[in-house]
Amino acid sequence: QAQLVESGGGLVQAGGSLRLSCAASRSIFSINTMGWYRQAPGKERELVATITHVGSTYYADSVKGRFTISRDNAKNTVYLQMSSLKPEDTAVYYCNRLIGATFWGQGTQVTVSS
C-alpha cells in the first residue's frame, strides 16, 4: 500500500533548526527523484528542494544555504535539515516524488516564531 508519512515538525524560534523525515513506501520512493514541498496558509503549495536517486539536489532560492535535503535509499526515507529558520518558513511541509504524484500525506507543521 502506497504511503507517505512526514514527521519532525514543531514550534521553533527564529534562527533555530529542525529536521524533518519522510518515510515513503517503496513504490513511491524507488529510484524516483523525491522532493519536499510546503504550503503556508492562504498560499499555493511550493517546491522547496529535491534530490535524485544518486544524490543530486536542487533548492528553491528562498531556502538555499539554509536547508539540506538528503535520502537513505535503504530506508526509503528522505530528510530535510532546516537551519536559520525564519518566520516565513512557517508552513505545512510535505514530501513526495517529483513526477507522478497521485496523493499526498498528512504533512508536518513547522511554525517559526519571531
PDB file of N, CA and C in Angstrom:
ATOM      1  N   GLN A   1       0.850  -1.182   0.000  1.00  0.00           N
ATOM      2  CA  GLN A   1       0.000   0.000   0.000  1.00  0.00           C
ATOM      3  C   GLN A   1       0.890   1.238   0.000  1.00  0.00           C
ATOM      4  N   ALA A   2       0.617   2.149  -0.941  1.00  0.00           N
ATOM      5  CA  ALA A   2       1.427   3.355  -1.041  1.00  0.00           C
ATOM      6  C   ALA A   2       1.168   4.251   0.151  1.00  0.00           C
ATOM      7  N   GLN A   3       2.243   4.826   0.699  1.00  0.00           N
ATOM      8  CA  GLN A   3       2.067   5.748   1.803  1.00  0.00           C
ATOM      9  C   GLN A   3       3.230   6.718   1.913  1.00  0.00           C
ATOM     10  N   LEU A   4       2.937   7.843   2.532  1.00  0.00           N
ATOM     11  CA  LEU A   4       3.914   8.886   2.823  1.00  0.00           C
ATOM     12  C   LEU A   4       3.646   9.347   4.245  1.00  0.00           C
ATOM     13  N   VAL A   5       4.665   9.321   5.086  1.00  0.00           N
ATOM     14  CA  VAL A   5       4.492   9.735   6.474  1.00  0.00           C
ATOM     15  C   VAL A   5       5.575  10.740   6.822  1.00  0.00           C
ATOM     16  N   GLU A   6       5.166  11.997   6.959  1.00  0.00           N
ATOM     17  CA  GLU A   6       6.095  13.064   7.317  1.00  0.00           C
ATOM     18  C   GLU A   6       6.085  13.257   8.831  1.00  0.00           C
ATOM     19  N   SER A   7       7.242  13.623   9.380  1.00  0.00           N
ATOM     20  CA  SER A   7       7.354  13.859  10.813  1.00  0.00           C
ATOM     21  C   SER A   7       8.501  14.818  11.097  1.00  0.00           C
ATOM     22  N   GLY A   8       8.552  15.295  12.336  1.00  0.00           N
ATOM     23  CA  GLY A   8       9.670  16.125  12.753  1.00  0.00           C
ATOM     24  C   GLY A   8       9.363  17.605  12.872  1.00  0.00           C
ATOM     25  N   GLY A   9       8.163  18.013  12.499  1.00  0.00           N
ATOM     26  CA  GLY A   9       7.817  19.425  12.600  1.00  0.00           C
ATOM     27  C   GLY A   9       7.634  19.851  14.043  1.00  0.00           C
ATOM     28  N   GLY A  10       7.401  21.150  14.224  1.00  0.00           N
ATOM     29  CA  GLY A  10       7.194  21.661  15.567  1.00  0.00           C
ATOM     30  C   GLY A  10       7.272  23.168  15.589  1.00  0.00           C
ATOM     31  N   LEU A  11       7.312  23.700  16.808  1.00  0.00           N
ATOM     32  CA  LEU A  11       7.414  25.141  17.026  1.00  0.00           C
ATOM     33  C   LEU A  11       8.859  25.470  17.392  1.00  0.00           C
ATOM     34  N   VAL A  12       9.425  26.423  16.702  1.00  0.00           N
ATOM     35  CA  VAL A  12      10.812  26.800  16.940  1.00  0.00           C
ATOM     36  C   VAL A  12      10.945  28.307  16.806  1.00  0.00           C
ATOM     37  N   GLN A  13      11.902  28.875  17.518  1.00  0.00           N
ATOM     38  CA  GLN A  13      12.155  30.304  17.403  1.00  0.00           C
ATOM     39  C   GLN A  13      12.962  30.599  16.142  1.00  0.00           C
ATOM     40  N   ALA A  14      12.840  31.810  15.657  1.00  0.00           N
ATOM     41  CA  ALA A  14      13.623  32.234  14.507  1.00  0.00           C
ATOM     42  C   ALA A  14      15.106  32.004  14.788  1.00  0.00           C
ATOM     43  N   GLY A  15      15.794  31.493  13.789  1.00  0.00           N
ATOM     44  CA  GLY A  15      17.199  31.161  13.947  1.00  0.00           C
ATOM     45  C   GLY A  15      17.454  29.730  14.360  1.00  0.00           C
ATOM     46  N   GLY A  16      16.395  29.039  14.737  1.00  0.00           N
ATOM     47  CA  GLY A  16      16.518  27.660  15.192  1.00  0.00           C
ATOM     48  C   GLY A  16      16.577  26.661  14.048  1.00  0.00           C
ATOM     49  N   SER A  17      16.587  25.379  14.431  1.00  0.00           N
ATOM     50  CA  SER A  17      16.714  24.300  13.451  1.00  0.00           C
ATOM     51  C   SER A  17      15.694  23.206  13.709  1.00  0.00           C
ATOM     52  N   LEU A  18      15.345  22.507  12.650  1.00  0.00           N
ATOM     53  CA  LEU A  18      14.503  21.326  12.731  1.00  0.00           C
ATOM     54  C   LEU A  18      14.962  20.339  11.668  1.00  0.00           C
ATOM     55  N   ARG A  19      14.718  19.056  11.916  1.00  0.00           N
ATOM     56  CA  ARG A  19      14.998  18.029  10.931  1.00  0.00           C
ATOM     57  C   ARG A  19      13.705  17.266  10.650  1.00  0.00           C
ATOM     58  N   LEU A  20      13.261  17.338   9.428  1.00  0.00           N
ATOM     59  CA  LEU A  20      12.058  16.627   9.004  1.00  0.00           C
ATOM     60  C   LEU A  20      12.439  15.283   8.401  1.00  0.00           C
ATOM     61  N   SER A  21      11.563  14.310   8.585  1.00  0.00           N
ATOM     62  CA  SER A  21      11.741  12.990   7.992  1.00  0.00           C
ATOM     63  C   SER A  21      10.493  12.610   7.218  1.00  0.00           C
ATOM     64  N   CYS A  22      10.672  11.826   6.191  1.00  0.00           N
ATOM     65  CA  CYS A  22       9.541  11.330   5.410  1.00  0.00           C
ATOM     66  C   CYS A  22       9.805   9.883   5.046  1.00  0.00           C
ATOM     67  N   ALA A  23       8.972   9.004   5.578  1.00  0.00           N
ATOM     68  CA  ALA A  23       9.052   7.587   5.245  1.00  0.00           C
ATOM     69  C   ALA A  23       8.059   7.306   4.124  1.00  0.00           C
ATOM     70  N   ALA A  24       8.560   6.761   3.045  1.00  0.00           N
ATOM     71  CA  ALA A  24       7.708   6.501   1.884  1.00  0.00           C
ATOM     72  C   ALA A  24       7.684   5.007   1.582  1.00  0.00           C
ATOM     73  N   SER A  25       6.603   4.573   0.997  1.00  0.00           N
ATOM     74  CA  SER A  25       6.556   3.192   0.551  1.00  0.00           C
ATOM     75  C   SER A  25       7.491   3.032  -0.641  1.00  0.00           C
ATOM     76  N   ARG A  26       7.940   1.811  -0.858  1.00  0.00           N
ATOM     77  CA  ARG A  26       8.931   1.582  -1.909  1.00  0.00           C
ATOM     78  C   ARG A  26       8.384   1.968  -3.289  1.00  0.00           C
ATOM     79  N   SER A  27       7.107   1.788  -3.496  1.00  0.00           N
ATOM     80  CA  SER A  27       6.528   2.116  -4.803  1.00  0.00           C
ATOM     81  C   SER A  27       6.638   3.603  -5.111  1.00  0.00           C
ATOM     82  N   ILE A  28       6.686   4.425  -4.076  1.00  0.00           N
ATOM     83  CA  ILE A  28       6.829   5.870  -4.276  1.00  0.00           C
ATOM     84  C   ILE A  28       8.293   6.259  -4.308  1.00  0.00           C
ATOM     85  N   PHE A  29       9.070   5.675  -3.419  1.00  0.00           N
ATOM     86  CA  PHE A  29      10.470   6.082  -3.259  1.00  0.00           C
ATOM     87  C   PHE A  29      11.311   5.557  -4.414  1.00  0.00           C
ATOM     88  N   SER A  30      11.472   4.239  -4.466  1.00  0.00           N
ATOM     89  CA  SER A  30      12.183   3.542  -5.545  1.00  0.00           C
ATOM     90  C   SER A  30      13.409   4.316  -6.006  1.00  0.00           C
ATOM     91  N   ILE A  31      13.515   4.568  -7.313  1.00  0.00           N
ATOM     92  CA  ILE A  31      14.634   5.349  -7.839  1.00  0.00           C
ATOM     93  C   ILE A  31      14.153   6.725  -8.263  1.00  0.00           C
ATOM     94  N   ASN A  32      12.995   7.122  -7.737  1.00  0.00           N
ATOM     95  CA  ASN A  32      12.439   8.411  -8.123  1.00  0.00           C
ATOM     96  C   ASN A  32      13.124   9.588  -7.449  1.00  0.00           C
ATOM     97  N   THR A  33      13.108  10.713  -8.134  1.00  0.00           N
ATOM     98  CA  THR A  33      13.518  11.955  -7.503  1.00  0.00           C
ATOM     99  C   THR A  33      12.448  12.332  -6.488  1.00  0.00           C
ATOM    100  N   MET A  34      12.878  12.616  -5.269  1.00  0.00           N
ATOM    101  CA  MET A  34      11.956  12.981  -4.195  1.00  0.00           C
ATOM    102  C   MET A  34      12.088  14.463  -3.880  1.00  0.00           C
ATOM    103  N   GLY A  35      11.021  15.026  -3.395  1.00  0.00           N
ATOM    104  CA  GLY A  35      11.030  16.443  -3.080  1.00  0.00           C
ATOM    105  C   GLY A  35      10.327  16.769  -1.780  1.00  0.00           C
ATOM    106  N   TRP A  36      10.711  17.871  -1.210  1.00  0.00           N
ATOM    107  CA  TRP A  36       9.995  18.466  -0.083  1.00  0.00           C
ATOM    108  C   TRP A  36       9.248  19.687  -0.613  1.00  0.00           C
ATOM    109  N   TYR A  37       8.003  19.810  -0.191  1.00  0.00           N
ATOM    110  CA  TYR A  37       7.151  20.919  -0.570  1.00  0.00           C
ATOM    111  C   TYR A  37       6.632  21.565   0.708  1.00  0.00           C
ATOM    112  N   ARG A  38       6.103  22.775   0.573  1.00  0.00           N
ATOM    113  CA  ARG A  38       5.462  23.385   1.717  1.00  0.00           C
ATOM    114  C   ARG A  38       4.286  24.233   1.270  1.00  0.00           C
ATOM    115  N   GLN A  39       3.332  24.367   2.177  1.00  0.00           N
ATOM    116  CA  GLN A  39       2.159  25.184   1.899  1.00  0.00           C
ATOM    117  C   GLN A  39       1.842  26.032   3.119  1.00  0.00           C
ATOM    118  N   ALA A  40       1.975  27.331   2.943  1.00  0.00           N
ATOM    119  CA  ALA A  40       1.649  28.281   4.003  1.00  0.00           C
ATOM    120  C   ALA A  40       0.167  28.633   3.909  1.00  0.00           C
ATOM    121  N   PRO A  41      -0.423  29.100   4.988  1.00  0.00           N
ATOM    122  CA  PRO A  41      -1.852  29.457   4.974  1.00  0.00           C
ATOM    123  C   PRO A  41      -2.162  30.460   3.866  1.00  0.00           C
ATOM    124  N   GLY A  42      -3.168  30.149   3.071  1.00  0.00           N
ATOM    125  CA  GLY A  42      -3.587  31.060   2.022  1.00  0.00           C
ATOM    126  C   GLY A  42      -2.697  31.091   0.794  1.00  0.00           C
ATOM    127  N   LYS A  43      -1.716  30.202   0.753  1.00  0.00           N
ATOM    128  CA  LYS A  43      -0.793  30.199  -0.384  1.00  0.00           C
ATOM    129  C   LYS A  43      -0.800  28.846  -1.090  1.00  0.00           C
ATOM    130  N   GLU A  44      -0.268  28.850  -2.310  1.00  0.00           N
ATOM    131  CA  GLU A  44      -0.154  27.624  -3.075  1.00  0.00           C
ATOM    132  C   GLU A  44       0.988  26.766  -2.507  1.00  0.00           C
ATOM    133  N   ARG A  45       0.877  25.484  -2.716  1.00  0.00           N
ATOM    134  CA  ARG A  45       1.982  24.596  -2.339  1.00  0.00           C
ATOM    135  C   ARG A  45       3.173  24.901  -3.228  1.00  0.00           C
ATOM    136  N   GLU A  46       4.363  24.968  -2.642  1.00  0.00           N
ATOM    137  CA  GLU A  46       5.571  25.285  -3.405  1.00  0.00           C
ATOM    138  C   GLU A  46       6.643  24.233  -3.172  1.00  0.00           C
ATOM    139  N   LEU A  47       7.465  24.055  -4.182  1.00  0.00           N
ATOM    140  CA  LEU A  47       8.574  23.113  -4.102  1.00  0.00           C
ATOM    141  C   LEU A  47       9.731  23.767  -3.361  1.00  0.00           C
ATOM    142  N   VAL A  48      10.267  23.054  -2.400  1.00  0.00           N
ATOM    143  CA  VAL A  48      11.356  23.592  -1.570  1.00  0.00           C
ATOM    144  C   VAL A  48      12.704  23.014  -1.988  1.00  0.00           C
ATOM    145  N   ALA A  49      12.754  21.706  -2.174  1.00  0.00           N
ATOM    146  CA  ALA A  49      14.018  21.045  -2.503  1.00  0.00           C
ATOM    147  C   ALA A  49      13.733  19.684  -3.111  1.00  0.00           C
ATOM    148  N   THR A  50      14.668  19.217  -3.925  1.00  0.00           N
ATOM    149  CA  THR A  50      14.556  17.879  -4.498  1.00  0.00           C
ATOM    150  C   THR A  50      15.897  17.167  -4.419  1.00  0.00           C
ATOM    151  N   ILE A  51      15.831  15.839  -4.504  1.00  0.00           N
ATOM    152  CA  ILE A  51      17.041  15.026  -4.510  1.00  0.00           C
ATOM    153  C   ILE A  51      16.810  13.811  -5.395  1.00  0.00           C
ATOM    154  N   THR A  52      17.756  13.552  -6.298  1.00  0.00           N
ATOM    155  CA  THR A  52      17.654  12.397  -7.178  1.00  0.00           C
ATOM    156  C   THR A  52      18.098  11.141  -6.452  1.00  0.00           C
ATOM    157  N   HIS A  53      17.909  10.010  -7.115  1.00  0.00           N
ATOM    158  CA  HIS A  53      18.293   8.731  -6.529  1.00  0.00           C
ATOM    159  C   HIS A  53      19.785   8.676  -6.206  1.00  0.00           C
ATOM    160  N   VAL A  54      20.589   9.393  -6.986  1.00  0.00           N
ATOM    161  CA  VAL A  54      22.038   9.358  -6.767  1.00  0.00           C
ATOM    162  C   VAL A  54      22.537  10.572  -5.995  1.00  0.00           C
ATOM    163  N   GLY A  55      21.611  11.402  -5.505  1.00  0.00           N
ATOM    164  CA  GLY A  55      22.000  12.453  -4.588  1.00  0.00           C
ATOM    165  C   GLY A  55      22.168  13.852  -5.144  1.00  0.00           C
ATOM    166  N   SER A  56      21.828  14.069  -6.387  1.00  0.00           N
ATOM    167  CA  SER A  56      21.876  15.434  -6.920  1.00  0.00           C
ATOM    168  C   SER A  56      20.721  16.231  -6.331  1.00  0.00           C
ATOM    169  N   THR A  57      21.003  17.473  -5.959  1.00  0.00           N
ATOM    170  CA  THR A  57      19.997  18.267  -5.246  1.00  0.00           C
ATOM    171  C   THR A  57      19.653  19.564  -5.958  1.00  0.00           C
ATOM    172  N   TYR A  58      18.489  20.059  -5.611  1.00  0.00           N
ATOM    173  CA  TYR A  58      18.004  21.369  -6.068  1.00  0.00           C
ATOM    174  C   TYR A  58      17.338  22.049  -4.875  1.00  0.00           C
ATOM    175  N   TYR A  59      17.527  23.365  -4.775  1.00  0.00           N
ATOM    176  CA  TYR A  59      16.888  24.132  -3.716  1.00  0.00           C
ATOM    177  C   TYR A  59      16.224  25.388  -4.282  1.00  0.00           C
ATOM    178  N   ALA A  60      15.075  25.712  -3.746  1.00  0.00           N
ATOM    179  CA  ALA A  60      14.465  26.991  -4.079  1.00  0.00           C
ATOM    180  C   ALA A  60      15.352  28.099  -3.525  1.00  0.00           C
ATOM    181  N   ASP A  61      15.347  29.224  -4.197  1.00  0.00           N
ATOM    182  CA  ASP A  61      16.199  30.343  -3.766  1.00  0.00           C
ATOM    183  C   ASP A  61      15.917  30.749  -2.324  1.00  0.00           C
ATOM    184  N   SER A  62      14.683  30.630  -1.914  1.00  0.00           N
ATOM    185  CA  SER A  62      14.296  31.085  -0.577  1.00  0.00           C
ATOM    186  C   SER A  62      14.909  30.257   0.546  1.00  0.00           C
ATOM    187  N   VAL A  63      15.373  29.048   0.240  1.00  0.00           N
ATOM    188  CA  VAL A  63      15.934  28.189   1.294  1.00  0.00           C
ATOM    189  C   VAL A  63      17.393  27.812   1.042  1.00  0.00           C
ATOM    190  N   LYS A  64      17.927  28.231  -0.083  1.00  0.00           N
ATOM    191  CA  LYS A  64      19.296  27.865  -0.442  1.00  0.00           C
ATOM    192  C   LYS A  64      20.269  28.349   0.629  1.00  0.00           C
ATOM    193  N   GLY A  65      21.156  27.452   1.050  1.00  0.00           N
ATOM    194  CA  GLY A  65      22.135  27.803   2.061  1.00  0.00           C
ATOM    195  C   GLY A  65      21.642  27.594   3.487  1.00  0.00           C
ATOM    196  N   ARG A  66      20.342  27.320   3.657  1.00  0.00           N
ATOM    197  CA  ARG A  66      19.791  27.116   4.990  1.00  0.00           C
ATOM    198  C   ARG A  66      19.211  25.708   5.161  1.00  0.00           C
ATOM    199  N   PHE A  67      18.708  25.134   4.092  1.00  0.00           N
ATOM    200  CA  PHE A  67      18.102  23.796   4.137  1.00  0.00           C
ATOM    201  C   PHE A  67      19.002  22.802   3.411  1.00  0.00           C
ATOM    202  N   THR A  68      18.989  21.560   3.886  1.00  0.00           N
ATOM    203  CA  THR A  68      19.727  20.477   3.248  1.00  0.00           C
ATOM    204  C   THR A  68      18.830  19.257   3.128  1.00  0.00           C
ATOM    205  N   ILE A  69      18.664  18.777   1.899  1.00  0.00           N
ATOM    206  CA  ILE A  69      17.867  17.578   1.662  1.00  0.00           C
ATOM    207  C   ILE A  69      18.799  16.388   1.526  1.00  0.00           C
ATOM    208  N   SER A  70      18.372  15.249   2.043  1.00  0.00           N
ATOM    209  CA  SER A  70      19.156  14.022   1.920  1.00  0.00           C
ATOM    210  C   SER A  70      18.199  12.838   1.883  1.00  0.00           C
ATOM    211  N   ARG A  71      18.721  11.681   1.528  1.00  0.00           N
ATOM    212  CA  ARG A  71      17.878  10.497   1.463  1.00  0.00           C
ATOM    213  C   ARG A  71      18.655   9.268   1.864  1.00  0.00           C
ATOM    214  N   ASP A  72      17.934   8.298   2.391  1.00  0.00           N
ATOM    215  CA  ASP A  72      18.507   6.998   2.729  1.00  0.00           C
ATOM    216  C   ASP A  72      17.754   5.977   1.888  1.00  0.00           C
ATOM    217  N   ASN A  73      18.352   5.533   0.802  1.00  0.00           N
ATOM    218  CA  ASN A  73      17.665   4.643  -0.128  1.00  0.00           C
ATOM    219  C   ASN A  73      17.351   3.275   0.498  1.00  0.00           C
ATOM    220  N   ALA A  74      18.140   2.863   1.449  1.00  0.00           N
ATOM    221  CA  ALA A  74      17.882   1.578   2.115  1.00  0.00           C
ATOM    222  C   ALA A  74      16.639   1.638   3.015  1.00  0.00           C
ATOM    223  N   LYS A  75      16.346   2.842   3.495  1.00  0.00           N
ATOM    224  CA  LYS A  75      15.200   3.004   4.406  1.00  0.00           C
ATOM    225  C   LYS A  75      14.005   3.669   3.735  1.00  0.00           C
ATOM    226  N   ASN A  76      14.110   3.954   2.440  1.00  0.00           N
ATOM    227  CA  ASN A  76      13.028   4.650   1.728  1.00  0.00           C
ATOM    228  C   ASN A  76      12.614   5.919   2.459  1.00  0.00           C
ATOM    229  N   THR A  77      13.590   6.675   2.906  1.00  0.00           N
ATOM    230  CA  THR A  77      13.336   7.859   3.724  1.00  0.00           C
ATOM    231  C   THR A  77      14.085   9.056   3.162  1.00  0.00           C
ATOM    232  N   VAL A  78      13.425  10.186   3.166  1.00  0.00           N
ATOM    233  CA  VAL A  78      14.046  11.442   2.748  1.00  0.00           C
ATOM    234  C   VAL A  78      13.973  12.413   3.926  1.00  0.00           C
ATOM    235  N   TYR A  79      15.013  13.225   4.063  1.00  0.00           N
ATOM    236  CA  TYR A  79      15.129  14.144   5.187  1.00  0.00           C
ATOM    237  C   TYR A  79      15.244  15.580   4.695  1.00  0.00           C
ATOM    238  N   LEU A  80      14.903  16.503   5.574  1.00  0.00           N
ATOM    239  CA  LEU A  80      15.121  17.918   5.302  1.00  0.00           C
ATOM    240  C   LEU A  80      15.651  18.559   6.577  1.00  0.00           C
ATOM    241  N   GLN A  81      16.939  18.891   6.560  1.00  0.00           N
ATOM    242  CA  GLN A  81      17.549  19.598   7.677  1.00  0.00           C
ATOM    243  C   GLN A  81      17.353  21.086   7.439  1.00  0.00           C
ATOM    244  N   MET A  82      16.685  21.743   8.372  1.00  0.00           N
ATOM    245  CA  MET A  82      16.379  23.162   8.222  1.00  0.00           C
ATOM    246  C   MET A  82      17.104  23.946   9.316  1.00  0.00           C
ATOM    247  N   SER A  83      17.867  24.939   8.903  1.00  0.00           N
ATOM    248  CA  SER A  83      18.612  25.765   9.846  1.00  0.00           C
ATOM    249  C   SER A  83      18.304  27.228   9.568  1.00  0.00           C
ATOM    250  N   SER A  84      18.690  28.081  10.518  1.00  0.00           N
ATOM    251  CA  SER A  84      18.460  29.530  10.382  1.00  0.00           C
ATOM    252  C   SER A  84      17.030  29.809   9.960  1.00  0.00           C
ATOM    253  N   LEU A  85      16.102  29.159  10.642  1.00  0.00           N
ATOM    254  CA  LEU A  85      14.695  29.265  10.262  1.00  0.00           C
ATOM    255  C   LEU A  85      14.166  30.677  10.454  1.00  0.00           C
ATOM    256  N   LYS A  86      13.255  31.058   9.552  1.00  0.00           N
ATOM    257  CA  LYS A  86      12.645  32.379   9.564  1.00  0.00           C
ATOM    258  C   LYS A  86      11.131  32.232   9.725  1.00  0.00           C
ATOM    259  N   PRO A  87      10.472  33.254  10.206  1.00  0.00           N
ATOM    260  CA  PRO A  87       9.006  33.173  10.326  1.00  0.00           C
ATOM    261  C   PRO A  87       8.332  32.821   8.997  1.00  0.00           C
ATOM    262  N   GLU A  88       8.897  33.267   7.891  1.00  0.00           N
ATOM    263  CA  GLU A  88       8.304  32.974   6.587  1.00  0.00           C
ATOM    264  C   GLU A  88       8.466  31.515   6.170  1.00  0.00           C
ATOM    265  N   ASP A  89       9.188  30.735   6.933  1.00  0.00           N
ATOM    266  CA  ASP A  89       9.274  29.293   6.681  1.00  0.00           C
ATOM    267  C   ASP A  89       8.090  28.539   7.287  1.00  0.00           C
ATOM    268  N   THR A  90       7.267  29.242   8.037  1.00  0.00           N
ATOM    269  CA  THR A  90       6.098  28.617   8.648  1.00  0.00           C
ATOM    270  C   THR A  90       5.164  28.064   7.580  1.00  0.00           C
ATOM    271  N   ALA A  91       4.866  26.774   7.677  1.00  0.00           N
ATOM    272  CA  ALA A  91       4.038  26.107   6.671  1.00  0.00           C
ATOM    273  C   ALA A  91       3.842  24.655   7.080  1.00  0.00           C
ATOM    274  N   VAL A  92       2.969  23.975   6.360  1.00  0.00           N
ATOM    275  CA  VAL A  92       2.889  22.526   6.447  1.00  0.00           C
ATOM    276  C   VAL A  92       3.833  21.980   5.388  1.00  0.00           C
ATOM    277  N   TYR A  93       4.713  21.089   5.790  1.00  0.00           N
ATOM    278  CA  TYR A  93       5.704  20.531   4.897  1.00  0.00           C
ATOM    279  C   TYR A  93       5.307  19.111   4.483  1.00  0.00           C
ATOM    280  N   TYR A  94       5.440  18.852   3.189  1.00  0.00           N
ATOM    281  CA  TYR A  94       5.094  17.562   2.612  1.00  0.00           C
ATOM    282  C   TYR A  94       6.264  17.022   1.811  1.00  0.00           C
ATOM    283  N   CYS A  95       6.324  15.718   1.685  1.00  0.00           N
ATOM    284  CA  CYS A  95       7.286  15.128   0.756  1.00  0.00           C
ATOM    285  C   CYS A  95       6.505  14.349  -0.289  1.00  0.00           C
ATOM    286  N   ASN A  96       7.118  14.151  -1.432  1.00  0.00           N
ATOM    287  CA  ASN A  96       6.503  13.356  -2.481  1.00  0.00           C
ATOM    288  C   ASN A  96       7.509  13.151  -3.604  1.00  0.00           C
ATOM    289  N   ARG A  97       7.189  12.260  -4.483  1.00  0.00           N
ATOM    290  CA  ARG A  97       8.008  12.111  -5.670  1.00  0.00           C
ATOM    291  C   ARG A  97       7.807  13.352  -6.530  1.00  0.00           C
ATOM    292  N   LEU A  98       8.829  13.726  -7.292  1.00  0.00           N
ATOM    293  CA  LEU A  98       8.761  14.949  -8.084  1.00  0.00           C
ATOM    294  C   LEU A  98       7.791  14.796  -9.257  1.00  0.00           C
ATOM    295  N   ILE A  99       7.780  13.616  -9.858  1.00  0.00           N
ATOM    296  CA  ILE A  99       6.950  13.374 -11.043  1.00  0.00           C
ATOM    297  C   ILE A  99       5.991  12.234 -10.749  1.00  0.00           C
ATOM    298  N   GLY A 100       4.737  12.431 -11.099  1.00  0.00           N
ATOM    299  CA  GLY A 100       3.762  11.349 -10.991  1.00  0.00           C
ATOM    300  C   GLY A 100       3.111  11.188  -9.633  1.00  0.00           C
ATOM    301  N   ALA A 101       3.117  12.252  -8.819  1.00  0.00           N
ATOM    302  CA  ALA A 101       2.467  12.158  -7.506  1.00  0.00           C
ATOM    303  C   ALA A 101       0.961  11.998  -7.693  1.00  0.00           C
ATOM    304  N   THR A 102       0.382  11.027  -6.991  1.00  0.00           N
ATOM    305  CA  THR A 102      -1.054  10.788  -7.117  1.00  0.00           C
ATOM    306  C   THR A 102      -1.807  11.064  -5.831  1.00  0.00           C
ATOM    307  N   PHE A 103      -1.105  11.172  -4.716  1.00  0.00           N
ATOM    308  CA  PHE A 103      -1.763  11.536  -3.464  1.00  0.00           C
ATOM    309  C   PHE A 103      -0.704  12.162  -2.557  1.00  0.00           C
ATOM    310  N   TRP A 104      -1.175  12.763  -1.476  1.00  0.00           N
ATOM    311  CA  TRP A 104      -0.277  13.444  -0.548  1.00  0.00           C
ATOM    312  C   TRP A 104      -0.474  12.896   0.869  1.00  0.00           C
ATOM    313  N   GLY A 105       0.586  12.929   1.648  1.00  0.00           N
ATOM    314  CA  GLY A 105       0.494  12.545   3.042  1.00  0.00           C
ATOM    315  C   GLY A 105      -0.135  13.665   3.863  1.00  0.00           C
ATOM    316  N   GLN A 106      -0.111  13.502   5.174  1.00  0.00           N
ATOM    317  CA  GLN A 106      -0.754  14.493   6.040  1.00  0.00           C
ATOM    318  C   GLN A 106       0.123  15.711   6.278  1.00  0.00           C
ATOM    319  N   GLY A 107       1.394  15.601   5.958  1.00  0.00           N
ATOM    320  CA  GLY A 107       2.323  16.703   6.167  1.00  0.00           C
ATOM    321  C   GLY A 107       2.704  16.852   7.628  1.00  0.00           C
ATOM    322  N   THR A 108       3.647  17.756   7.872  1.00  0.00           N
ATOM    323  CA  THR A 108       4.073  18.058   9.238  1.00  0.00           C
ATOM    324  C   THR A 108       4.180  19.573   9.383  1.00  0.00           C
ATOM    325  N   GLN A 109       3.596  20.094  10.444  1.00  0.00           N
ATOM    326  CA  GLN A 109       3.515  21.541  10.641  1.00  0.00           C
ATOM    327  C   GLN A 109       4.830  22.084  11.194  1.00  0.00           C
ATOM    328  N   VAL A 110       5.336  23.118  10.557  1.00  0.00           N
ATOM    329  CA  VAL A 110       6.506  23.846  11.048  1.00  0.00           C
ATOM    330  C   VAL A 110       6.062  25.275  11.331  1.00  0.00           C
ATOM    331  N   THR A 111       6.279  25.710  12.565  1.00  0.00           N
ATOM    332  CA  THR A 111       5.918  27.068  12.959  1.00  0.00           C
ATOM    333  C   THR A 111       7.152  27.748  13.525  1.00  0.00           C
ATOM    334  N   VAL A 112       7.521  28.871  12.924  1.00  0.00           N
ATOM    335  CA  VAL A 112       8.692  29.619  13.355  1.00  0.00           C
ATOM    336  C   VAL A 112       8.224  30.936  13.947  1.00  0.00           C
ATOM    337  N   SER A 113       8.521  31.137  15.208  1.00  0.00           N
ATOM    338  CA  SER A 113       8.109  32.366  15.885  1.00  0.00           C
ATOM    339  C   SER A 113       9.217  33.409  15.811  1.00  0.00           C
ATOM    340  N   SER A 114       8.810  34.653  15.772  1.00  0.00           N
ATOM    341  CA  SER A 114       9.795  35.745  15.649  1.00  0.00           C
ATOM    342  C   SER A 114      10.245  36.229  17.028  1.00  0.00           C
TER     343      SER A 114
END
